[in-house]
Amino acid sequence: MVLKTGGTTTRLAVELTLLTFIRSSEMRFARWSEVNFERSEWTIPGIRKPIPGVKHSERGMKMKTEHIVPLSKQAFDIFKRLHALSGKGEVNRHGFNRHLRVI
């Protein structure tokens, strides 16, 4: 699947959301500390530590319980591309938080 509109990180985030069947807020507030590249897993906590100045960034899973998402090869590759774009910052550093809000 290739999306034709939006910035690179927004397109990647939307594709990742579709591949992993997660809610947009779970993607918008993702942290690199949640992604285990060795095990190809994403552990979404029930509640996250808030990011100063980012509204609702404490949102984790809807039911407030930890959820482990096994990553397919496609999802894993997208996480690697996002990591290359954001470096050591948070997954959402490049602003797809704003764009995914309308999903």
PDB file of N, CA and C in Angstrom:
ATOM      1  N   MET A   1       0.840  -1.171   0.000  1.00  0.00           N
ATOM      2  CA  MET A   1       0.000   0.000   0.000  1.00  0.00           C
ATOM      3  C   MET A   1       0.889   1.240   0.000  1.00  0.00           C
ATOM      4  N   VAL A   2       0.572   2.209  -0.835  1.00  0.00           N
ATOM      5  CA  VAL A   2       1.302   3.468  -0.857  1.00  0.00           C
ATOM      6  C   VAL A   2       0.294   4.604  -0.817  1.00  0.00           C
ATOM      7  N   LEU A   3       0.375   5.426   0.214  1.00  0.00           N
ATOM      8  CA  LEU A   3      -0.505   6.590   0.319  1.00  0.00           C
ATOM      9  C   LEU A   3       0.140   7.751  -0.415  1.00  0.00           C
ATOM     10  N   LYS A   4      -0.649   8.529  -1.119  1.00  0.00           N
ATOM     11  CA  LYS A   4      -0.106   9.581  -1.977  1.00  0.00           C
ATOM     12  C   LYS A   4      -0.114  10.971  -1.354  1.00  0.00           C
ATOM     13  N   THR A   5      -0.822  11.196  -0.253  1.00  0.00           N
ATOM     14  CA  THR A   5      -0.887  12.529   0.330  1.00  0.00           C
ATOM     15  C   THR A   5      -0.261  12.542   1.707  1.00  0.00           C
ATOM     16  N   GLY A   6       0.034  13.735   2.214  1.00  0.00           N
ATOM     17  CA  GLY A   6       0.614  13.874   3.550  1.00  0.00           C
ATOM     18  C   GLY A   6       2.124  13.770   3.516  1.00  0.00           C
ATOM     19  N   GLY A   7       2.738  14.146   4.630  1.00  0.00           N
ATOM     20  CA  GLY A   7       4.180  14.056   4.746  1.00  0.00           C
ATOM     21  C   GLY A   7       4.622  12.612   4.904  1.00  0.00           C
ATOM     22  N   THR A   8       5.920  12.390   4.784  1.00  0.00           N
ATOM     23  CA  THR A   8       6.468  11.039   4.871  1.00  0.00           C
ATOM     24  C   THR A   8       6.106  10.355   6.178  1.00  0.00           C
ATOM     25  N   THR A   9       6.319  11.034   7.305  1.00  0.00           N
ATOM     26  CA  THR A   9       6.033  10.386   8.585  1.00  0.00           C
ATOM     27  C   THR A   9       4.543  10.141   8.768  1.00  0.00           C
ATOM     28  N   THR A  10       3.718  11.032   8.264  1.00  0.00           N
ATOM     29  CA  THR A  10       2.273  10.835   8.361  1.00  0.00           C
ATOM     30  C   THR A  10       1.854   9.614   7.559  1.00  0.00           C
ATOM     31  N   ARG A  11       2.353   9.490   6.342  1.00  0.00           N
ATOM     32  CA  ARG A  11       2.024   8.325   5.513  1.00  0.00           C
ATOM     33  C   ARG A  11       2.470   7.030   6.184  1.00  0.00           C
ATOM     34  N   LEU A  12       3.695   7.046   6.720  1.00  0.00           N
ATOM     35  CA  LEU A  12       4.201   5.847   7.393  1.00  0.00           C
ATOM     36  C   LEU A  12       3.358   5.509   8.619  1.00  0.00           C
ATOM     37  N   ALA A  13       2.974   6.521   9.372  1.00  0.00           N
ATOM     38  CA  ALA A  13       2.167   6.296  10.576  1.00  0.00           C
ATOM     39  C   ALA A  13       0.794   5.728  10.231  1.00  0.00           C
ATOM     40  N   VAL A  14       0.179   6.226   9.177  1.00  0.00           N
ATOM     41  CA  VAL A  14      -1.127   5.710   8.763  1.00  0.00           C
ATOM     42  C   VAL A  14      -0.988   4.255   8.315  1.00  0.00           C
ATOM     43  N   GLU A  15       0.041   3.956   7.527  1.00  0.00           N
ATOM     44  CA  GLU A  15       0.262   2.575   7.089  1.00  0.00           C
ATOM     45  C   GLU A  15       0.483   1.656   8.284  1.00  0.00           C
ATOM     46  N   LEU A  16       1.283   2.113   9.248  1.00  0.00           N
ATOM     47  CA  LEU A  16       1.558   1.315  10.441  1.00  0.00           C
ATOM     48  C   LEU A  16       0.286   1.093  11.258  1.00  0.00           C
ATOM     49  N   THR A  17      -0.543   2.114  11.347  1.00  0.00           N
ATOM     50  CA  THR A  17      -1.818   1.994  12.056  1.00  0.00           C
ATOM     51  C   THR A  17      -2.696   0.928  11.402  1.00  0.00           C
ATOM     52  N   LEU A  18      -2.729   0.917  10.081  1.00  0.00           N
ATOM     53  CA  LEU A  18      -3.534  -0.074   9.365  1.00  0.00           C
ATOM     54  C   LEU A  18      -2.955  -1.485   9.489  1.00  0.00           C
ATOM     55  N   LEU A  19      -1.644  -1.605   9.481  1.00  0.00           N
ATOM     56  CA  LEU A  19      -1.006  -2.922   9.580  1.00  0.00           C
ATOM     57  C   LEU A  19      -1.129  -3.548  10.966  1.00  0.00           C
ATOM     58  N   THR A  20      -1.210  -2.714  11.994  1.00  0.00           N
ATOM     59  CA  THR A  20      -1.217  -3.229  13.364  1.00  0.00           C
ATOM     60  C   THR A  20      -2.595  -3.176  14.026  1.00  0.00           C
ATOM     61  N   PHE A  21      -3.593  -2.593  13.366  1.00  0.00           N
ATOM     62  CA  PHE A  21      -4.957  -2.495  13.904  1.00  0.00           C
ATOM     63  C   PHE A  21      -4.998  -1.795  15.261  1.00  0.00           C
ATOM     64  N   ILE A  22      -4.252  -0.714  15.394  1.00  0.00           N
ATOM     65  CA  ILE A  22      -4.255   0.046  16.641  1.00  0.00           C
ATOM     66  C   ILE A  22      -5.079   1.314  16.462  1.00  0.00           C
ATOM     67  N   ARG A  23      -5.413   1.946  17.564  1.00  0.00           N
ATOM     68  CA  ARG A  23      -6.125   3.227  17.520  1.00  0.00           C
ATOM     69  C   ARG A  23      -5.127   4.338  17.192  1.00  0.00           C
ATOM     70  N   SER A  24      -5.636   5.408  16.605  1.00  0.00           N
ATOM     71  CA  SER A  24      -4.744   6.505  16.203  1.00  0.00           C
ATOM     72  C   SER A  24      -4.006   7.102  17.396  1.00  0.00           C
ATOM     73  N   SER A  25      -4.646   7.195  18.559  1.00  0.00           N
ATOM     74  CA  SER A  25      -3.963   7.775  19.724  1.00  0.00           C
ATOM     75  C   SER A  25      -2.813   6.889  20.186  1.00  0.00           C
ATOM     76  N   GLU A  26      -2.936   5.577  20.011  1.00  0.00           N
ATOM     77  CA  GLU A  26      -1.845   4.679  20.384  1.00  0.00           C
ATOM     78  C   GLU A  26      -0.636   4.911  19.492  1.00  0.00           C
ATOM     79  N   MET A  27      -0.868   5.250  18.236  1.00  0.00           N
ATOM     80  CA  MET A  27       0.226   5.569  17.317  1.00  0.00           C
ATOM     81  C   MET A  27       0.758   6.971  17.571  1.00  0.00           C
ATOM     82  N   ARG A  28      -0.143   7.924  17.774  1.00  0.00           N
ATOM     83  CA  ARG A  28       0.269   9.321  17.933  1.00  0.00           C
ATOM     84  C   ARG A  28       1.197   9.517  19.113  1.00  0.00           C
ATOM     85  N   PHE A  29       1.001   8.755  20.175  1.00  0.00           N
ATOM     86  CA  PHE A  29       1.783   8.970  21.389  1.00  0.00           C
ATOM     87  C   PHE A  29       2.807   7.864  21.633  1.00  0.00           C
ATOM     88  N   ALA A  30       3.154   7.117  20.596  1.00  0.00           N
ATOM     89  CA  ALA A  30       4.126   6.022  20.721  1.00  0.00           C
ATOM     90  C   ALA A  30       5.504   6.541  21.122  1.00  0.00           C
ATOM     91  N   ARG A  31       6.239   5.715  21.859  1.00  0.00           N
ATOM     92  CA  ARG A  31       7.602   6.034  22.293  1.00  0.00           C
ATOM     93  C   ARG A  31       8.536   4.932  21.802  1.00  0.00           C
ATOM     94  N   TRP A  32       9.775   5.308  21.493  1.00  0.00           N
ATOM     95  CA  TRP A  32      10.740   4.296  21.046  1.00  0.00           C
ATOM     96  C   TRP A  32      11.003   3.258  22.124  1.00  0.00           C
ATOM     97  N   SER A  33      10.888   3.632  23.376  1.00  0.00           N
ATOM     98  CA  SER A  33      11.124   2.676  24.462  1.00  0.00           C
ATOM     99  C   SER A  33      10.106   1.530  24.446  1.00  0.00           C
ATOM    100  N   GLU A  34       9.005   1.692  23.724  1.00  0.00           N
ATOM    101  CA  GLU A  34       7.977   0.653  23.638  1.00  0.00           C
ATOM    102  C   GLU A  34       8.266  -0.380  22.549  1.00  0.00           C
ATOM    103  N   VAL A  35       9.167  -0.045  21.631  1.00  0.00           N
ATOM    104  CA  VAL A  35       9.451  -0.917  20.491  1.00  0.00           C
ATOM    105  C   VAL A  35      10.684  -1.764  20.784  1.00  0.00           C
ATOM    106  N   ASN A  36      10.520  -3.076  20.684  1.00  0.00           N
ATOM    107  CA  ASN A  36      11.633  -4.000  20.868  1.00  0.00           C
ATOM    108  C   ASN A  36      12.042  -4.492  19.480  1.00  0.00           C
ATOM    109  N   PHE A  37      13.138  -3.926  18.955  1.00  0.00           N
ATOM    110  CA  PHE A  37      13.580  -4.272  17.608  1.00  0.00           C
ATOM    111  C   PHE A  37      14.133  -5.698  17.539  1.00  0.00           C
ATOM    112  N   GLU A  38      14.690  -6.207  18.641  1.00  0.00           N
ATOM    113  CA  GLU A  38      15.225  -7.568  18.641  1.00  0.00           C
ATOM    114  C   GLU A  38      14.106  -8.612  18.548  1.00  0.00           C
ATOM    115  N   ARG A  39      13.007  -8.363  19.233  1.00  0.00           N
ATOM    116  CA  ARG A  39      11.894  -9.323  19.257  1.00  0.00           C
ATOM    117  C   ARG A  39      10.806  -8.989  18.238  1.00  0.00           C
ATOM    118  N   SER A  40      10.945  -7.866  17.546  1.00  0.00           N
ATOM    119  CA  SER A  40       9.956  -7.409  16.576  1.00  0.00           C
ATOM    120  C   SER A  40       8.571  -7.294  17.225  1.00  0.00           C
ATOM    121  N   GLU A  41       8.558  -6.568  18.361  1.00  0.00           N
ATOM    122  CA  GLU A  41       7.327  -6.361  19.123  1.00  0.00           C
ATOM    123  C   GLU A  41       7.190  -4.897  19.527  1.00  0.00           C
ATOM    124  N   TRP A  42       5.953  -4.491  19.671  1.00  0.00           N
ATOM    125  CA  TRP A  42       5.641  -3.166  20.191  1.00  0.00           C
ATOM    126  C   TRP A  42       4.759  -3.374  21.417  1.00  0.00           C
ATOM    127  N   THR A  43       5.236  -2.962  22.574  1.00  0.00           N
ATOM    128  CA  THR A  43       4.469  -3.091  23.807  1.00  0.00           C
ATOM    129  C   THR A  43       3.835  -1.744  24.122  1.00  0.00           C
ATOM    130  N   ILE A  44       2.521  -1.680  23.985  1.00  0.00           N
ATOM    131  CA  ILE A  44       1.791  -0.441  24.258  1.00  0.00           C
ATOM    132  C   ILE A  44       1.313  -0.505  25.706  1.00  0.00           C
ATOM    133  N   PRO A  45       1.782   0.419  26.550  1.00  0.00           N
ATOM    134  CA  PRO A  45       1.388   0.374  27.960  1.00  0.00           C
ATOM    135  C   PRO A  45      -0.063   0.818  28.163  1.00  0.00           C
ATOM    136  N   GLY A  46      -0.593   0.476  29.329  1.00  0.00           N
ATOM    137  CA  GLY A  46      -1.950   0.907  29.659  1.00  0.00           C
ATOM    138  C   GLY A  46      -2.034   2.415  29.801  1.00  0.00           C
ATOM    139  N   ILE A  47      -1.032   2.995  30.443  1.00  0.00           N
ATOM    140  CA  ILE A  47      -0.936   4.451  30.627  1.00  0.00           C
ATOM    141  C   ILE A  47       0.509   4.841  30.373  1.00  0.00           C
ATOM    142  N   ARG A  48       0.703   5.955  29.666  1.00  0.00           N
ATOM    143  CA  ARG A  48       2.049   6.434  29.363  1.00  0.00           C
ATOM    144  C   ARG A  48       2.402   7.625  30.242  1.00  0.00           C
ATOM    145  N   LYS A  49       3.699   7.850  30.378  1.00  0.00           N
ATOM    146  CA  LYS A  49       4.169   9.058  31.055  1.00  0.00           C
ATOM    147  C   LYS A  49       3.869  10.239  30.124  1.00  0.00           C
ATOM    148  N   PRO A  50       3.237  11.297  30.631  1.00  0.00           N
ATOM    149  CA  PRO A  50       2.893  12.441  29.773  1.00  0.00           C
ATOM    150  C   PRO A  50       4.134  13.121  29.189  1.00  0.00           C
ATOM    151  N   ILE A  51       4.004  13.609  27.961  1.00  0.00           N
ATOM    152  CA  ILE A  51       5.040  14.424  27.330  1.00  0.00           C
ATOM    153  C   ILE A  51       4.680  15.866  27.652  1.00  0.00           C
ATOM    154  N   PRO A  52       5.572  16.618  28.301  1.00  0.00           N
ATOM    155  CA  PRO A  52       5.251  18.004  28.660  1.00  0.00           C
ATOM    156  C   PRO A  52       4.795  18.813  27.443  1.00  0.00           C
ATOM    157  N   GLY A  53       3.665  19.480  27.597  1.00  0.00           N
ATOM    158  CA  GLY A  53       3.146  20.343  26.541  1.00  0.00           C
ATOM    159  C   GLY A  53       2.352  19.633  25.460  1.00  0.00           C
ATOM    160  N   VAL A  54       2.222  18.297  25.540  1.00  0.00           N
ATOM    161  CA  VAL A  54       1.467  17.553  24.528  1.00  0.00           C
ATOM    162  C   VAL A  54       0.196  17.007  25.175  1.00  0.00           C
ATOM    163  N   LYS A  55      -0.924  17.570  24.775  1.00  0.00           N
ATOM    164  CA  LYS A  55      -2.220  17.213  25.347  1.00  0.00           C
ATOM    165  C   LYS A  55      -2.549  15.737  25.088  1.00  0.00           C
ATOM    166  N   HIS A  56      -3.023  15.055  26.106  1.00  0.00           N
ATOM    167  CA  HIS A  56      -3.460  13.657  26.051  1.00  0.00           C
ATOM    168  C   HIS A  56      -2.332  12.656  25.798  1.00  0.00           C
ATOM    169  N   SER A  57      -1.075  13.064  25.947  1.00  0.00           N
ATOM    170  CA  SER A  57       0.041  12.159  25.643  1.00  0.00           C
ATOM    171  C   SER A  57       0.170  11.010  26.630  1.00  0.00           C
ATOM    172  N   GLU A  58      -0.603  11.042  27.706  1.00  0.00           N
ATOM    173  CA  GLU A  58      -0.570   9.943  28.678  1.00  0.00           C
ATOM    174  C   GLU A  58      -1.417   8.754  28.215  1.00  0.00           C
ATOM    175  N   ARG A  59      -2.117   8.918  27.110  1.00  0.00           N
ATOM    176  CA  ARG A  59      -2.990   7.846  26.627  1.00  0.00           C
ATOM    177  C   ARG A  59      -2.174   6.631  26.196  1.00  0.00           C
ATOM    178  N   GLY A  60      -2.599   5.509  26.693  1.00  0.00           N
ATOM    179  CA  GLY A  60      -2.041   4.227  26.273  1.00  0.00           C
ATOM    180  C   GLY A  60      -3.173   3.430  25.653  1.00  0.00           C
ATOM    181  N   MET A  61      -3.322   2.191  26.092  1.00  0.00           N
ATOM    182  CA  MET A  61      -4.403   1.349  25.596  1.00  0.00           C
ATOM    183  C   MET A  61      -5.742   1.810  26.171  1.00  0.00           C
ATOM    184  N   LYS A  62      -6.793   1.635  25.399  1.00  0.00           N
ATOM    185  CA  LYS A  62      -8.122   2.081  25.812  1.00  0.00           C
ATOM    186  C   LYS A  62      -8.556   1.449  27.134  1.00  0.00           C
ATOM    187  N   MET A  63      -8.271   0.174  27.329  1.00  0.00           N
ATOM    188  CA  MET A  63      -8.689  -0.527  28.542  1.00  0.00           C
ATOM    189  C   MET A  63      -7.661  -0.403  29.669  1.00  0.00           C
ATOM    190  N   LYS A  64      -6.637   0.410  29.472  1.00  0.00           N
ATOM    191  CA  LYS A  64      -5.611   0.686  30.494  1.00  0.00           C
ATOM    192  C   LYS A  64      -4.786  -0.543  30.884  1.00  0.00           C
ATOM    193  N   THR A  65      -4.710  -1.535  30.000  1.00  0.00           N
ATOM    194  CA  THR A  65      -3.855  -2.690  30.241  1.00  0.00           C
ATOM    195  C   THR A  65      -2.831  -2.799  29.118  1.00  0.00           C
ATOM    196  N   GLU A  66      -1.636  -3.253  29.453  1.00  0.00           N
ATOM    197  CA  GLU A  66      -0.557  -3.393  28.475  1.00  0.00           C
ATOM    198  C   GLU A  66      -0.971  -4.337  27.345  1.00  0.00           C
ATOM    199  N   HIS A  67      -0.524  -4.011  26.129  1.00  0.00           N
ATOM    200  CA  HIS A  67      -0.844  -4.817  24.951  1.00  0.00           C
ATOM    201  C   HIS A  67       0.427  -5.014  24.138  1.00  0.00           C
ATOM    202  N   ILE A  68       0.742  -6.262  23.804  1.00  0.00           N
ATOM    203  CA  ILE A  68       1.928  -6.553  22.994  1.00  0.00           C
ATOM    204  C   ILE A  68       1.483  -6.787  21.561  1.00  0.00           C
ATOM    205  N   VAL A  69       2.068  -6.002  20.642  1.00  0.00           N
ATOM    206  CA  VAL A  69       1.736  -6.099  19.226  1.00  0.00           C
ATOM    207  C   VAL A  69       2.905  -6.762  18.503  1.00  0.00           C
ATOM    208  N   PRO A  70       2.737  -8.007  18.017  1.00  0.00           N
ATOM    209  CA  PRO A  70       3.795  -8.611  17.206  1.00  0.00           C
ATOM    210  C   PRO A  70       3.859  -7.864  15.876  1.00  0.00           C
ATOM    211  N   LEU A  71       5.050  -7.518  15.435  1.00  0.00           N
ATOM    212  CA  LEU A  71       5.190  -6.725  14.216  1.00  0.00           C
ATOM    213  C   LEU A  71       5.468  -7.618  13.008  1.00  0.00           C
ATOM    214  N   SER A  72       4.657  -7.454  11.976  1.00  0.00           N
ATOM    215  CA  SER A  72       4.915  -8.139  10.708  1.00  0.00           C
ATOM    216  C   SER A  72       6.170  -7.528  10.095  1.00  0.00           C
ATOM    217  N   LYS A  73       6.689  -8.153   9.062  1.00  0.00           N
ATOM    218  CA  LYS A  73       7.875  -7.604   8.394  1.00  0.00           C
ATOM    219  C   LYS A  73       7.599  -6.191   7.893  1.00  0.00           C
ATOM    220  N   GLN A  74       6.413  -5.971   7.326  1.00  0.00           N
ATOM    221  CA  GLN A  74       6.067  -4.650   6.801  1.00  0.00           C
ATOM    222  C   GLN A  74       6.008  -3.612   7.923  1.00  0.00           C
ATOM    223  N   ALA A  75       5.369  -3.963   9.040  1.00  0.00           N
ATOM    224  CA  ALA A  75       5.269  -3.035  10.173  1.00  0.00           C
ATOM    225  C   ALA A  75       6.649  -2.767  10.762  1.00  0.00           C
ATOM    226  N   PHE A  76       7.457  -3.811  10.882  1.00  0.00           N
ATOM    227  CA  PHE A  76       8.814  -3.664  11.407  1.00  0.00           C
ATOM    228  C   PHE A  76       9.628  -2.719  10.521  1.00  0.00           C
ATOM    229  N   ASP A  77       9.523  -2.881   9.199  1.00  0.00           N
ATOM    230  CA  ASP A  77      10.248  -2.010   8.264  1.00  0.00           C
ATOM    231  C   ASP A  77       9.803  -0.556   8.394  1.00  0.00           C
ATOM    232  N   ILE A  78       8.518  -0.327   8.623  1.00  0.00           N
ATOM    233  CA  ILE A  78       8.028   1.043   8.807  1.00  0.00           C
ATOM    234  C   ILE A  78       8.601   1.640  10.085  1.00  0.00           C
ATOM    235  N   PHE A  79       8.626   0.865  11.170  1.00  0.00           N
ATOM    236  CA  PHE A  79       9.233   1.359  12.407  1.00  0.00           C
ATOM    237  C   PHE A  79      10.702   1.711  12.184  1.00  0.00           C
ATOM    238  N   LYS A  80      11.420   0.908  11.416  1.00  0.00           N
ATOM    239  CA  LYS A  80      12.833   1.215  11.135  1.00  0.00           C
ATOM    240  C   LYS A  80      12.957   2.518  10.355  1.00  0.00           C
ATOM    241  N   ARG A  81      12.068   2.742   9.393  1.00  0.00           N
ATOM    242  CA  ARG A  81      12.100   3.991   8.621  1.00  0.00           C
ATOM    243  C   ARG A  81      11.770   5.191   9.508  1.00  0.00           C
ATOM    244  N   LEU A  82      10.759   5.038  10.374  1.00  0.00           N
ATOM    245  CA  LEU A  82      10.413   6.126  11.294  1.00  0.00           C
ATOM    246  C   LEU A  82      11.566   6.416  12.249  1.00  0.00           C
ATOM    247  N   HIS A  83      12.242   5.365  12.700  1.00  0.00           N
ATOM    248  CA  HIS A  83      13.379   5.546  13.608  1.00  0.00           C
ATOM    249  C   HIS A  83      14.500   6.312  12.912  1.00  0.00           C
ATOM    250  N   ALA A  84      14.736   6.011  11.639  1.00  0.00           N
ATOM    251  CA  ALA A  84      15.760   6.729  10.873  1.00  0.00           C
ATOM    252  C   ALA A  84      15.392   8.207  10.719  1.00  0.00           C
ATOM    253  N   LEU A  85      14.100   8.503  10.590  1.00  0.00           N
ATOM    254  CA  LEU A  85      13.655   9.890  10.437  1.00  0.00           C
ATOM    255  C   LEU A  85      13.704  10.675  11.743  1.00  0.00           C
ATOM    256  N   SER A  86      13.375  10.015  12.857  1.00  0.00           N
ATOM    257  CA  SER A  86      13.277  10.747  14.121  1.00  0.00           C
ATOM    258  C   SER A  86      14.505  10.618  15.004  1.00  0.00           C
ATOM    259  N   GLY A  87      15.418   9.734  14.655  1.00  0.00           N
ATOM    260  CA  GLY A  87      16.614   9.563  15.478  1.00  0.00           C
ATOM    261  C   GLY A  87      16.261   9.071  16.859  1.00  0.00           C
ATOM    262  N   LYS A  88      16.798   9.714  17.880  1.00  0.00           N
ATOM    263  CA  LYS A  88      16.552   9.276  19.249  1.00  0.00           C
ATOM    264  C   LYS A  88      15.353   9.965  19.874  1.00  0.00           C
ATOM    265  N   GLY A  89      14.665  10.805  19.104  1.00  0.00           N
ATOM    266  CA  GLY A  89      13.476  11.472  19.630  1.00  0.00           C
ATOM    267  C   GLY A  89      12.322  10.496  19.741  1.00  0.00           C
ATOM    268  N   GLU A  90      11.175  11.000  20.100  1.00  0.00           N
ATOM    269  CA  GLU A  90       9.990  10.155  20.191  1.00  0.00           C
ATOM    270  C   GLU A  90       9.526   9.783  18.785  1.00  0.00           C
ATOM    271  N   VAL A  91       8.730   8.743  18.681  1.00  0.00           N
ATOM    272  CA  VAL A  91       8.233   8.290  17.387  1.00  0.00           C
ATOM    273  C   VAL A  91       7.491   9.413  16.676  1.00  0.00           C
ATOM    274  N   ASN A  92       6.710  10.196  17.416  1.00  0.00           N
ATOM    275  CA  ASN A  92       5.861  11.224  16.804  1.00  0.00           C
ATOM    276  C   ASN A  92       6.528  12.585  16.668  1.00  0.00           C
ATOM    277  N   ARG A  93       7.833  12.649  16.763  1.00  0.00           N
ATOM    278  CA  ARG A  93       8.558  13.919  16.761  1.00  0.00           C
ATOM    279  C   ARG A  93       8.253  14.801  15.544  1.00  0.00           C
ATOM    280  N   HIS A  94       8.019  14.207  14.396  1.00  0.00           N
ATOM    281  CA  HIS A  94       7.847  14.996  13.181  1.00  0.00           C
ATOM    282  C   HIS A  94       6.422  15.454  12.913  1.00  0.00           C
ATOM    283  N   GLY A  95       5.542  15.323  13.882  1.00  0.00           N
ATOM    284  CA  GLY A  95       4.251  15.977  13.782  1.00  0.00           C
ATOM    285  C   GLY A  95       3.090  15.203  13.218  1.00  0.00           C
ATOM    286  N   PHE A  96       3.161  13.875  13.079  1.00  0.00           N
ATOM    287  CA  PHE A  96       1.966  13.215  12.572  1.00  0.00           C
ATOM    288  C   PHE A  96       0.885  13.139  13.624  1.00  0.00           C
ATOM    289  N   ASN A  97       1.207  13.480  14.876  1.00  0.00           N
ATOM    290  CA  ASN A  97       0.184  13.567  15.919  1.00  0.00           C
ATOM    291  C   ASN A  97      -0.956  14.470  15.445  1.00  0.00           C
ATOM    292  N   ARG A  98      -0.627  15.623  14.927  1.00  0.00           N
ATOM    293  CA  ARG A  98      -1.626  16.591  14.464  1.00  0.00           C
ATOM    294  C   ARG A  98      -2.450  16.023  13.306  1.00  0.00           C
ATOM    295  N   HIS A  99      -1.805  15.323  12.375  1.00  0.00           N
ATOM    296  CA  HIS A  99      -2.496  14.820  11.195  1.00  0.00           C
ATOM    297  C   HIS A  99      -3.369  13.610  11.488  1.00  0.00           C
ATOM    298  N   LEU A 100      -2.972  12.765  12.429  1.00  0.00           N
ATOM    299  CA  LEU A 100      -3.748  11.564  12.731  1.00  0.00           C
ATOM    300  C   LEU A 100      -4.939  11.839  13.631  1.00  0.00           C
ATOM    301  N   ARG A 101      -5.015  13.011  14.209  1.00  0.00           N
ATOM    302  CA  ARG A 101      -6.109  13.332  15.122  1.00  0.00           C
ATOM    303  C   ARG A 101      -7.479  13.184  14.466  1.00  0.00           C
ATOM    304  N   VAL A 102      -7.562  13.417  13.165  1.00  0.00           N
ATOM    305  CA  VAL A 102      -8.853  13.384  12.485  1.00  0.00           C
ATOM    306  C   VAL A 102      -9.298  11.975  12.115  1.00  0.00           C
ATOM    307  N   ILE A 103      -8.451  10.978  12.279  1.00  0.00           N
ATOM    308  CA  ILE A 103      -8.812   9.601  11.919  1.00  0.00           C
ATOM    309  C   ILE A 103      -9.865   9.086  12.885  1.00  0.00           C
TER     310      ILE A 103
END
